[in-house]
Amino acid sequence: GIGAVGVGMVYTVAVNTAVKWFPDRRGLTTGIGTMAFAAGSAAF
């Protein structure tokens, strides 16, 4: 539960940083950020 608090905070910051910076490429840039959330665990 403690770890989940940190995960949720990182997630909302990362996704919405992409939304705020790249209004014309939202699908691509949020895809890059959330791709890291999924594919990054392949090493773990």
PDB file of all heavy atoms in Angstrom:
ATOM      1  N   GLY A   1       0.811  -1.205   0.000  1.00  0.00           N
ATOM      2  CA  GLY A   1       0.000   0.000   0.000  1.00  0.00           C
ATOM      3  C   GLY A   1       0.847   1.258   0.000  1.00  0.00           C
ATOM      4  O   GLY A   1       0.554   2.231  -0.719  1.00  0.00           O
ATOM      5  N   ILE A   2       1.934   1.256   0.779  1.00  0.00           N
ATOM      6  CA  ILE A   2       2.847   2.403   0.798  1.00  0.00           C
ATOM      7  C   ILE A   2       3.466   2.607  -0.582  1.00  0.00           C
ATOM      8  O   ILE A   2       3.534   3.728  -1.101  1.00  0.00           O
ATOM      9  CB  ILE A   2       3.949   2.181   1.854  1.00  0.00           C
ATOM     10  CG1 ILE A   2       3.358   2.249   3.265  1.00  0.00           C
ATOM     11  CG2 ILE A   2       5.075   3.212   1.703  1.00  0.00           C
ATOM     12  CD1 ILE A   2       4.307   1.798   4.354  1.00  0.00           C
ATOM     13  N   GLY A   3       3.917   1.522  -1.182  1.00  0.00           N
ATOM     14  CA  GLY A   3       4.497   1.628  -2.517  1.00  0.00           C
ATOM     15  C   GLY A   3       3.495   2.126  -3.539  1.00  0.00           C
ATOM     16  O   GLY A   3       3.837   2.922  -4.422  1.00  0.00           O
ATOM     17  N   ALA A   4       2.229   1.701  -3.405  1.00  0.00           N
ATOM     18  CA  ALA A   4       1.202   2.124  -4.350  1.00  0.00           C
ATOM     19  C   ALA A   4       0.976   3.623  -4.319  1.00  0.00           C
ATOM     20  O   ALA A   4       0.666   4.237  -5.345  1.00  0.00           O
ATOM     21  CB  ALA A   4      -0.106   1.393  -4.051  1.00  0.00           C
ATOM     22  N   VAL A   5       1.125   4.250  -3.147  1.00  0.00           N
ATOM     23  CA  VAL A   5       1.012   5.709  -3.051  1.00  0.00           C
ATOM     24  C   VAL A   5       2.047   6.369  -3.958  1.00  0.00           C
ATOM     25  O   VAL A   5       1.741   7.269  -4.743  1.00  0.00           O
ATOM     26  CB  VAL A   5       1.192   6.173  -1.593  1.00  0.00           C
ATOM     27  CG1 VAL A   5       1.285   7.696  -1.523  1.00  0.00           C
ATOM     28  CG2 VAL A   5       0.039   5.686  -0.734  1.00  0.00           C
ATOM     29  N   GLY A   6       3.281   5.902  -3.876  1.00  0.00           N
ATOM     30  CA  GLY A   6       4.339   6.475  -4.709  1.00  0.00           C
ATOM     31  C   GLY A   6       4.129   6.217  -6.178  1.00  0.00           C
ATOM     32  O   GLY A   6       4.363   7.091  -7.016  1.00  0.00           O
ATOM     33  N   VAL A   7       3.652   5.016  -6.529  1.00  0.00           N
ATOM     34  CA  VAL A   7       3.414   4.689  -7.933  1.00  0.00           C
ATOM     35  C   VAL A   7       2.359   5.620  -8.528  1.00  0.00           C
ATOM     36  O   VAL A   7       2.525   6.168  -9.622  1.00  0.00           O
ATOM     37  CB  VAL A   7       2.973   3.224  -8.091  1.00  0.00           C
ATOM     38  CG1 VAL A   7       2.614   2.931  -9.538  1.00  0.00           C
ATOM     39  CG2 VAL A   7       4.075   2.278  -7.632  1.00  0.00           C
ATOM     40  N   GLY A   8       1.269   5.820  -7.810  1.00  0.00           N
ATOM     41  CA  GLY A   8       0.203   6.687  -8.304  1.00  0.00           C
ATOM     42  C   GLY A   8       0.659   8.120  -8.490  1.00  0.00           C
ATOM     43  O   GLY A   8       0.282   8.789  -9.461  1.00  0.00           O
ATOM     44  N   MET A   9       1.495   8.616  -7.583  1.00  0.00           N
ATOM     45  CA  MET A   9       1.996   9.986  -7.682  1.00  0.00           C
ATOM     46  C   MET A   9       2.910  10.147  -8.892  1.00  0.00           C
ATOM     47  O   MET A   9       2.817  11.123  -9.639  1.00  0.00           O
ATOM     48  CB  MET A   9       2.706  10.360  -6.385  1.00  0.00           C
ATOM     49  CG  MET A   9       1.771  10.418  -5.181  1.00  0.00           C
ATOM     50  SD  MET A   9       2.635  10.444  -3.591  1.00  0.00           S
ATOM     51  CE  MET A   9       3.155  12.151  -3.524  1.00  0.00           C
ATOM     52  N   VAL A  10       3.810   9.180  -9.095  1.00  0.00           N
ATOM     53  CA  VAL A  10       4.687   9.233 -10.257  1.00  0.00           C
ATOM     54  C   VAL A  10       3.874   9.167 -11.542  1.00  0.00           C
ATOM     55  O   VAL A  10       4.124   9.907 -12.503  1.00  0.00           O
ATOM     56  CB  VAL A  10       5.713   8.074 -10.221  1.00  0.00           C
ATOM     57  CG1 VAL A  10       6.428   7.942 -11.566  1.00  0.00           C
ATOM     58  CG2 VAL A  10       6.741   8.315  -9.133  1.00  0.00           C
ATOM     59  N   TYR A  11       2.872   8.301 -11.547  1.00  0.00           N
ATOM     60  CA  TYR A  11       2.086   8.086 -12.768  1.00  0.00           C
ATOM     61  C   TYR A  11       1.371   9.362 -13.202  1.00  0.00           C
ATOM     62  O   TYR A  11       1.429   9.754 -14.370  1.00  0.00           O
ATOM     63  CB  TYR A  11       1.082   6.964 -12.531  1.00  0.00           C
ATOM     64  CG  TYR A  11       0.472   6.422 -13.799  1.00  0.00           C
ATOM     65  CD1 TYR A  11       0.961   5.269 -14.386  1.00  0.00           C
ATOM     66  CD2 TYR A  11      -0.586   7.080 -14.418  1.00  0.00           C
ATOM     67  CE1 TYR A  11       0.411   4.771 -15.552  1.00  0.00           C
ATOM     68  CE2 TYR A  11      -1.141   6.587 -15.583  1.00  0.00           C
ATOM     69  CZ  TYR A  11      -0.642   5.432 -16.152  1.00  0.00           C
ATOM     70  OH  TYR A  11      -1.180   4.961 -17.320  1.00  0.00           O
ATOM     71  N   THR A  12       0.679  10.012 -12.278  1.00  0.00           N
ATOM     72  CA  THR A  12      -0.077  11.206 -12.672  1.00  0.00           C
ATOM     73  C   THR A  12       0.839  12.342 -13.094  1.00  0.00           C
ATOM     74  O   THR A  12       0.526  13.096 -14.013  1.00  0.00           O
ATOM     75  CB  THR A  12      -1.024  11.649 -11.544  1.00  0.00           C
ATOM     76  OG1 THR A  12      -1.967  12.584 -12.064  1.00  0.00           O
ATOM     77  CG2 THR A  12      -0.278  12.278 -10.378  1.00  0.00           C
ATOM     78  N   VAL A  13       2.005  12.453 -12.477  1.00  0.00           N
ATOM     79  CA  VAL A  13       2.958  13.478 -12.884  1.00  0.00           C
ATOM     80  C   VAL A  13       3.472  13.201 -14.292  1.00  0.00           C
ATOM     81  O   VAL A  13       3.502  14.084 -15.156  1.00  0.00           O
ATOM     82  CB  VAL A  13       4.130  13.554 -11.887  1.00  0.00           C
ATOM     83  CG1 VAL A  13       5.271  14.395 -12.462  1.00  0.00           C
ATOM     84  CG2 VAL A  13       3.664  14.151 -10.568  1.00  0.00           C
ATOM     85  N   ALA A  14       3.856  11.955 -14.558  1.00  0.00           N
ATOM     86  CA  ALA A  14       4.474  11.628 -15.840  1.00  0.00           C
ATOM     87  C   ALA A  14       3.494  11.784 -17.002  1.00  0.00           C
ATOM     88  O   ALA A  14       3.807  12.415 -18.019  1.00  0.00           O
ATOM     89  CB  ALA A  14       5.025  10.201 -15.795  1.00  0.00           C
ATOM     90  N   VAL A  15       2.298  11.201 -16.866  1.00  0.00           N
ATOM     91  CA  VAL A  15       1.334  11.244 -17.962  1.00  0.00           C
ATOM     92  C   VAL A  15       0.943  12.680 -18.280  1.00  0.00           C
ATOM     93  O   VAL A  15       0.893  13.099 -19.442  1.00  0.00           O
ATOM     94  CB  VAL A  15       0.087  10.410 -17.612  1.00  0.00           C
ATOM     95  CG1 VAL A  15      -1.038  10.687 -18.588  1.00  0.00           C
ATOM     96  CG2 VAL A  15       0.433   8.926 -17.629  1.00  0.00           C
ATOM     97  N   ASN A  16       0.670  13.459 -17.258  1.00  0.00           N
ATOM     98  CA  ASN A  16       0.163  14.807 -17.503  1.00  0.00           C
ATOM     99  C   ASN A  16       1.264  15.808 -17.831  1.00  0.00           C
ATOM    100  O   ASN A  16       0.978  16.880 -18.360  1.00  0.00           O
ATOM    101  CB  ASN A  16      -0.682  15.253 -16.318  1.00  0.00           C
ATOM    102  CG  ASN A  16      -1.976  14.469 -16.247  1.00  0.00           C
ATOM    103  OD1 ASN A  16      -2.870  14.660 -17.053  1.00  0.00           O
ATOM    104  ND2 ASN A  16      -2.058  13.535 -15.316  1.00  0.00           N
ATOM    105  N   THR A  17       2.506  15.459 -17.577  1.00  0.00           N
ATOM    106  CA  THR A  17       3.601  16.267 -18.108  1.00  0.00           C
ATOM    107  C   THR A  17       3.606  16.184 -19.632  1.00  0.00           C
ATOM    108  O   THR A  17       3.786  17.181 -20.332  1.00  0.00           O
ATOM    109  CB  THR A  17       4.952  15.800 -17.540  1.00  0.00           C
ATOM    110  OG1 THR A  17       4.958  16.011 -16.124  1.00  0.00           O
ATOM    111  CG2 THR A  17       6.107  16.570 -18.160  1.00  0.00           C
ATOM    112  N   ALA A  18       3.369  14.986 -20.161  1.00  0.00           N
ATOM    113  CA  ALA A  18       3.292  14.827 -21.617  1.00  0.00           C
ATOM    114  C   ALA A  18       2.111  15.592 -22.198  1.00  0.00           C
ATOM    115  O   ALA A  18       2.233  16.246 -23.240  1.00  0.00           O
ATOM    116  CB  ALA A  18       3.185  13.340 -21.964  1.00  0.00           C
ATOM    117  N   VAL A  19       0.945  15.515 -21.540  1.00  0.00           N
ATOM    118  CA  VAL A  19      -0.237  16.227 -22.025  1.00  0.00           C
ATOM    119  C   VAL A  19       0.014  17.730 -22.074  1.00  0.00           C
ATOM    120  O   VAL A  19      -0.390  18.420 -23.013  1.00  0.00           O
ATOM    121  CB  VAL A  19      -1.453  15.900 -21.135  1.00  0.00           C
ATOM    122  CG1 VAL A  19      -2.640  16.806 -21.473  1.00  0.00           C
ATOM    123  CG2 VAL A  19      -1.863  14.435 -21.308  1.00  0.00           C
ATOM    124  N   LYS A  20       0.700  18.258 -21.069  1.00  0.00           N
ATOM    125  CA  LYS A  20       0.921  19.705 -20.990  1.00  0.00           C
ATOM    126  C   LYS A  20       1.981  20.178 -21.985  1.00  0.00           C
ATOM    127  O   LYS A  20       1.877  21.271 -22.548  1.00  0.00           O
ATOM    128  CB  LYS A  20       1.331  20.084 -19.565  1.00  0.00           C
ATOM    129  CG  LYS A  20       0.220  19.893 -18.527  1.00  0.00           C
ATOM    130  CD  LYS A  20       0.721  20.180 -17.121  1.00  0.00           C
ATOM    131  CE  LYS A  20      -0.328  19.820 -16.072  1.00  0.00           C
ATOM    132  NZ  LYS A  20      -1.557  20.620 -16.168  1.00  0.00           N
ATOM    133  N   TRP A  21       3.002  19.380 -22.234  1.00  0.00           N
ATOM    134  CA  TRP A  21       4.084  19.810 -23.120  1.00  0.00           C
ATOM    135  C   TRP A  21       3.759  19.628 -24.598  1.00  0.00           C
ATOM    136  O   TRP A  21       4.234  20.380 -25.447  1.00  0.00           O
ATOM    137  CB  TRP A  21       5.369  19.038 -22.800  1.00  0.00           C
ATOM    138  CG  TRP A  21       6.226  19.663 -21.734  1.00  0.00           C
ATOM    139  CD1 TRP A  21       6.279  19.299 -20.415  1.00  0.00           C
ATOM    140  CD2 TRP A  21       7.155  20.730 -21.891  1.00  0.00           C
ATOM    141  NE1 TRP A  21       7.185  20.090 -19.751  1.00  0.00           N
ATOM    142  CE2 TRP A  21       7.743  20.974 -20.629  1.00  0.00           C
ATOM    143  CE3 TRP A  21       7.549  21.510 -22.977  1.00  0.00           C
ATOM    144  CZ2 TRP A  21       8.704  21.964 -20.431  1.00  0.00           C
ATOM    145  CZ3 TRP A  21       8.516  22.488 -22.770  1.00  0.00           C
ATOM    146  CH2 TRP A  21       9.076  22.703 -21.508  1.00  0.00           C
ATOM    147  N   PHE A  22       2.971  18.603 -24.952  1.00  0.00           N
ATOM    148  CA  PHE A  22       2.828  18.221 -26.367  1.00  0.00           C
ATOM    149  C   PHE A  22       1.365  18.126 -26.782  1.00  0.00           C
ATOM    150  O   PHE A  22       0.839  17.024 -26.989  1.00  0.00           O
ATOM    151  CB  PHE A  22       3.535  16.886 -26.620  1.00  0.00           C
ATOM    152  CG  PHE A  22       4.986  16.898 -26.226  1.00  0.00           C
ATOM    153  CD1 PHE A  22       5.402  16.291 -25.050  1.00  0.00           C
ATOM    154  CD2 PHE A  22       5.925  17.539 -27.023  1.00  0.00           C
ATOM    155  CE1 PHE A  22       6.742  16.318 -24.685  1.00  0.00           C
ATOM    156  CE2 PHE A  22       7.255  17.569 -26.657  1.00  0.00           C
ATOM    157  CZ  PHE A  22       7.668  16.960 -25.479  1.00  0.00           C
ATOM    158  N   PRO A  23       0.670  19.251 -26.908  1.00  0.00           N
ATOM    159  CA  PRO A  23      -0.752  19.210 -27.259  1.00  0.00           C
ATOM    160  C   PRO A  23      -1.024  18.616 -28.631  1.00  0.00           C
ATOM    161  O   PRO A  23      -2.121  18.109 -28.880  1.00  0.00           O
ATOM    162  CB  PRO A  23      -1.164  20.688 -27.211  1.00  0.00           C
ATOM    163  CG  PRO A  23       0.097  21.455 -27.445  1.00  0.00           C
ATOM    164  CD  PRO A  23       1.171  20.635 -26.771  1.00  0.00           C
ATOM    165  N   ASP A  24      -0.041  18.670 -29.537  1.00  0.00           N
ATOM    166  CA  ASP A  24      -0.260  18.166 -30.889  1.00  0.00           C
ATOM    167  C   ASP A  24       0.186  16.718 -31.062  1.00  0.00           C
ATOM    168  O   ASP A  24       0.020  16.140 -32.135  1.00  0.00           O
ATOM    169  CB  ASP A  24       0.464  19.057 -31.914  1.00  0.00           C
ATOM    170  CG  ASP A  24       1.918  19.284 -31.556  1.00  0.00           C
ATOM    171  OD1 ASP A  24       2.283  19.047 -30.384  1.00  0.00           O
ATOM    172  OD2 ASP A  24       2.693  19.716 -32.428  1.00  0.00           O
ATOM    173  N   ARG A  25       0.765  16.114 -30.024  1.00  0.00           N
ATOM    174  CA  ARG A  25       1.216  14.718 -30.102  1.00  0.00           C
ATOM    175  C   ARG A  25       0.896  13.988 -28.802  1.00  0.00           C
ATOM    176  O   ARG A  25       1.740  13.280 -28.249  1.00  0.00           O
ATOM    177  CB  ARG A  25       2.727  14.656 -30.392  1.00  0.00           C
ATOM    178  CG  ARG A  25       3.130  15.138 -31.781  1.00  0.00           C
ATOM    179  CD  ARG A  25       2.620  14.205 -32.877  1.00  0.00           C
ATOM    180  NE  ARG A  25       3.066  14.635 -34.196  1.00  0.00           N
ATOM    181  CZ  ARG A  25       2.412  15.456 -34.986  1.00  0.00           C
ATOM    182  NH1 ARG A  25       1.246  15.964 -34.575  1.00  0.00           N
ATOM    183  NH2 ARG A  25       2.873  15.790 -36.167  1.00  0.00           N
ATOM    184  N   ARG A  26      -0.308  14.170 -28.346  1.00  0.00           N
ATOM    185  CA  ARG A  26      -0.657  13.592 -27.044  1.00  0.00           C
ATOM    186  C   ARG A  26      -0.602  12.071 -27.052  1.00  0.00           C
ATOM    187  O   ARG A  26      -0.116  11.450 -26.106  1.00  0.00           O
ATOM    188  CB  ARG A  26      -2.058  14.063 -26.635  1.00  0.00           C
ATOM    189  CG  ARG A  26      -2.086  15.512 -26.174  1.00  0.00           C
ATOM    190  CD  ARG A  26      -3.469  15.914 -25.706  1.00  0.00           C
ATOM    191  NE  ARG A  26      -3.425  17.299 -25.227  1.00  0.00           N
ATOM    192  CZ  ARG A  26      -4.250  18.254 -25.599  1.00  0.00           C
ATOM    193  NH1 ARG A  26      -5.200  17.984 -26.491  1.00  0.00           N
ATOM    194  NH2 ARG A  26      -4.155  19.470 -25.109  1.00  0.00           N
ATOM    195  N   GLY A  27      -1.126  11.457 -28.104  1.00  0.00           N
ATOM    196  CA  GLY A  27      -1.135  10.002 -28.157  1.00  0.00           C
ATOM    197  C   GLY A  27       0.261   9.422 -28.137  1.00  0.00           C
ATOM    198  O   GLY A  27       0.547   8.463 -27.414  1.00  0.00           O
ATOM    199  N   LEU A  28       1.152   9.996 -28.926  1.00  0.00           N
ATOM    200  CA  LEU A  28       2.528   9.491 -28.993  1.00  0.00           C
ATOM    201  C   LEU A  28       3.266   9.691 -27.680  1.00  0.00           C
ATOM    202  O   LEU A  28       3.899   8.770 -27.162  1.00  0.00           O
ATOM    203  CB  LEU A  28       3.275  10.195 -30.127  1.00  0.00           C
ATOM    204  CG  LEU A  28       4.771   9.888 -30.231  1.00  0.00           C
ATOM    205  CD1 LEU A  28       5.012   8.422 -30.520  1.00  0.00           C
ATOM    206  CD2 LEU A  28       5.420  10.770 -31.299  1.00  0.00           C
ATOM    207  N   THR A  29       3.188  10.903 -27.125  1.00  0.00           N
ATOM    208  CA  THR A  29       4.017  11.205 -25.951  1.00  0.00           C
ATOM    209  C   THR A  29       3.492  10.547 -24.676  1.00  0.00           C
ATOM    210  O   THR A  29       4.285  10.097 -23.848  1.00  0.00           O
ATOM    211  CB  THR A  29       4.147  12.720 -25.762  1.00  0.00           C
ATOM    212  OG1 THR A  29       2.841  13.312 -25.734  1.00  0.00           O
ATOM    213  CG2 THR A  29       4.953  13.333 -26.888  1.00  0.00           C
ATOM    214  N   THR A  30       2.166  10.472 -24.508  1.00  0.00           N
ATOM    215  CA  THR A  30       1.673   9.703 -23.370  1.00  0.00           C
ATOM    216  C   THR A  30       1.957   8.222 -23.578  1.00  0.00           C
ATOM    217  O   THR A  30       2.186   7.485 -22.619  1.00  0.00           O
ATOM    218  CB  THR A  30       0.166   9.922 -23.156  1.00  0.00           C
ATOM    219  OG1 THR A  30      -0.549   9.564 -24.341  1.00  0.00           O
ATOM    220  CG2 THR A  30      -0.132  11.365 -22.793  1.00  0.00           C
ATOM    221  N   GLY A  31       1.980   7.787 -24.854  1.00  0.00           N
ATOM    222  CA  GLY A  31       2.346   6.407 -25.141  1.00  0.00           C
ATOM    223  C   GLY A  31       3.778   6.094 -24.752  1.00  0.00           C
ATOM    224  O   GLY A  31       4.070   5.026 -24.214  1.00  0.00           O
ATOM    225  N   ILE A  32       4.684   7.033 -25.002  1.00  0.00           N
ATOM    226  CA  ILE A  32       6.084   6.822 -24.617  1.00  0.00           C
ATOM    227  C   ILE A  32       6.217   6.696 -23.102  1.00  0.00           C
ATOM    228  O   ILE A  32       6.888   5.800 -22.581  1.00  0.00           O
ATOM    229  CB  ILE A  32       6.965   7.975 -25.143  1.00  0.00           C
ATOM    230  CG1 ILE A  32       7.043   7.921 -26.673  1.00  0.00           C
ATOM    231  CG2 ILE A  32       8.361   7.913 -24.540  1.00  0.00           C
ATOM    232  CD1 ILE A  32       7.720   9.132 -27.292  1.00  0.00           C
ATOM    233  N   GLY A  33       5.550   7.614 -22.386  1.00  0.00           N
ATOM    234  CA  GLY A  33       5.648   7.578 -20.924  1.00  0.00           C
ATOM    235  C   GLY A  33       5.034   6.330 -20.331  1.00  0.00           C
ATOM    236  O   GLY A  33       5.629   5.673 -19.467  1.00  0.00           O
ATOM    237  N   THR A  34       3.833   5.974 -20.787  1.00  0.00           N
ATOM    238  CA  THR A  34       3.192   4.792 -20.229  1.00  0.00           C
ATOM    239  C   THR A  34       3.812   3.501 -20.754  1.00  0.00           C
ATOM    240  O   THR A  34       3.702   2.458 -20.105  1.00  0.00           O
ATOM    241  CB  THR A  34       1.680   4.814 -20.509  1.00  0.00           C
ATOM    242  OG1 THR A  34       1.450   4.931 -21.920  1.00  0.00           O
ATOM    243  CG2 THR A  34       1.013   5.982 -19.800  1.00  0.00           C
ATOM    244  N   MET A  35       4.464   3.547 -21.909  1.00  0.00           N
ATOM    245  CA  MET A  35       5.226   2.390 -22.383  1.00  0.00           C
ATOM    246  C   MET A  35       6.320   2.042 -21.382  1.00  0.00           C
ATOM    247  O   MET A  35       6.555   0.869 -21.073  1.00  0.00           O
ATOM    248  CB  MET A  35       5.848   2.670 -23.746  1.00  0.00           C
ATOM    249  CG  MET A  35       6.736   1.534 -24.255  1.00  0.00           C
ATOM    250  SD  MET A  35       7.677   1.971 -25.744  1.00  0.00           S
ATOM    251  CE  MET A  35       8.821   3.185 -25.071  1.00  0.00           C
ATOM    252  N   ALA A  36       6.974   3.069 -20.866  1.00  0.00           N
ATOM    253  CA  ALA A  36       8.024   2.831 -19.875  1.00  0.00           C
ATOM    254  C   ALA A  36       7.458   2.160 -18.630  1.00  0.00           C
ATOM    255  O   ALA A  36       8.122   1.335 -17.998  1.00  0.00           O
ATOM    256  CB  ALA A  36       8.705   4.147 -19.516  1.00  0.00           C
ATOM    257  N   PHE A  37       6.222   2.514 -18.276  1.00  0.00           N
ATOM    258  CA  PHE A  37       5.594   1.924 -17.098  1.00  0.00           C
ATOM    259  C   PHE A  37       5.366   0.429 -17.279  1.00  0.00           C
ATOM    260  O   PHE A  37       5.381  -0.330 -16.309  1.00  0.00           O
ATOM    261  CB  PHE A  37       4.265   2.626 -16.824  1.00  0.00           C
ATOM    262  CG  PHE A  37       3.584   2.174 -15.565  1.00  0.00           C
ATOM    263  CD1 PHE A  37       4.106   2.481 -14.319  1.00  0.00           C
ATOM    264  CD2 PHE A  37       2.409   1.444 -15.623  1.00  0.00           C
ATOM    265  CE1 PHE A  37       3.480   2.062 -13.160  1.00  0.00           C
ATOM    266  CE2 PHE A  37       1.767   1.030 -14.468  1.00  0.00           C
ATOM    267  CZ  PHE A  37       2.303   1.349 -13.235  1.00  0.00           C
ATOM    268  N   ALA A  38       5.155   0.010 -18.508  1.00  0.00           N
ATOM    269  CA  ALA A  38       4.907  -1.401 -18.776  1.00  0.00           C
ATOM    270  C   ALA A  38       6.190  -2.138 -19.164  1.00  0.00           C
ATOM    271  O   ALA A  38       6.592  -3.098 -18.513  1.00  0.00           O
ATOM    272  CB  ALA A  38       3.877  -1.543 -19.886  1.00  0.00           C
ATOM    273  N   ALA A  39       6.843  -1.672 -20.219  1.00  0.00           N
ATOM    274  CA  ALA A  39       8.000  -2.389 -20.748  1.00  0.00           C
ATOM    275  C   ALA A  39       9.186  -2.331 -19.799  1.00  0.00           C
ATOM    276  O   ALA A  39      10.028  -3.229 -19.808  1.00  0.00           O
ATOM    277  CB  ALA A  39       8.394  -1.811 -22.108  1.00  0.00           C
ATOM    278  N   GLY A  40       9.253  -1.294 -18.970  1.00  0.00           N
ATOM    279  CA  GLY A  40      10.379  -1.180 -18.051  1.00  0.00           C
ATOM    280  C   GLY A  40      10.483  -2.341 -17.091  1.00  0.00           C
ATOM    281  O   GLY A  40      11.575  -2.704 -16.642  1.00  0.00           O
ATOM    282  N   SER A  41       9.338  -2.957 -16.784  1.00  0.00           N
ATOM    283  CA  SER A  41       9.363  -4.066 -15.835  1.00  0.00           C
ATOM    284  C   SER A  41       9.851  -5.370 -16.457  1.00  0.00           C
ATOM    285  O   SER A  41      10.073  -6.349 -15.740  1.00  0.00           O
ATOM    286  CB  SER A  41       7.968  -4.278 -15.255  1.00  0.00           C
ATOM    287  OG  SER A  41       7.059  -4.618 -16.278  1.00  0.00           O
ATOM    288  N   ALA A  42      10.031  -5.399 -17.783  1.00  0.00           N
ATOM    289  CA  ALA A  42      10.511  -6.629 -18.427  1.00  0.00           C
ATOM    290  C   ALA A  42      11.868  -7.047 -17.872  1.00  0.00           C
ATOM    291  O   ALA A  42      12.178  -8.237 -17.796  1.00  0.00           O
ATOM    292  CB  ALA A  42      10.592  -6.431 -19.936  1.00  0.00           C
ATOM    293  N   ALA A  43      12.687  -6.073 -17.479  1.00  0.00           N
ATOM    294  CA  ALA A  43      13.990  -6.395 -16.903  1.00  0.00           C
ATOM    295  C   ALA A  43      13.860  -6.924 -15.479  1.00  0.00           C
ATOM    296  O   ALA A  43      14.726  -7.660 -14.998  1.00  0.00           O
ATOM    297  CB  ALA A  43      14.888  -5.152 -16.915  1.00  0.00           C
ATOM    298  N   PHE A  44      12.767  -6.556 -14.790  1.00  0.00           N
ATOM    299  CA  PHE A  44      12.612  -6.952 -13.396  1.00  0.00           C
ATOM    300  C   PHE A  44      12.044  -8.364 -13.252  1.00  0.00           C
ATOM    301  O   PHE A  44      12.309  -9.033 -12.255  1.00  0.00           O
ATOM    302  CB  PHE A  44      11.697  -5.962 -12.664  1.00  0.00           C
ATOM    303  CG  PHE A  44      12.319  -4.612 -12.431  1.00  0.00           C
ATOM    304  CD1 PHE A  44      12.031  -3.551 -13.263  1.00  0.00           C
ATOM    305  CD2 PHE A  44      13.186  -4.412 -11.372  1.00  0.00           C
ATOM    306  CE1 PHE A  44      12.590  -2.300 -13.054  1.00  0.00           C
ATOM    307  CE2 PHE A  44      13.754  -3.172 -11.141  1.00  0.00           C
ATOM    308  CZ  PHE A  44      13.462  -2.107 -11.985  1.00  0.00           C
TER     309      PHE A  44
END
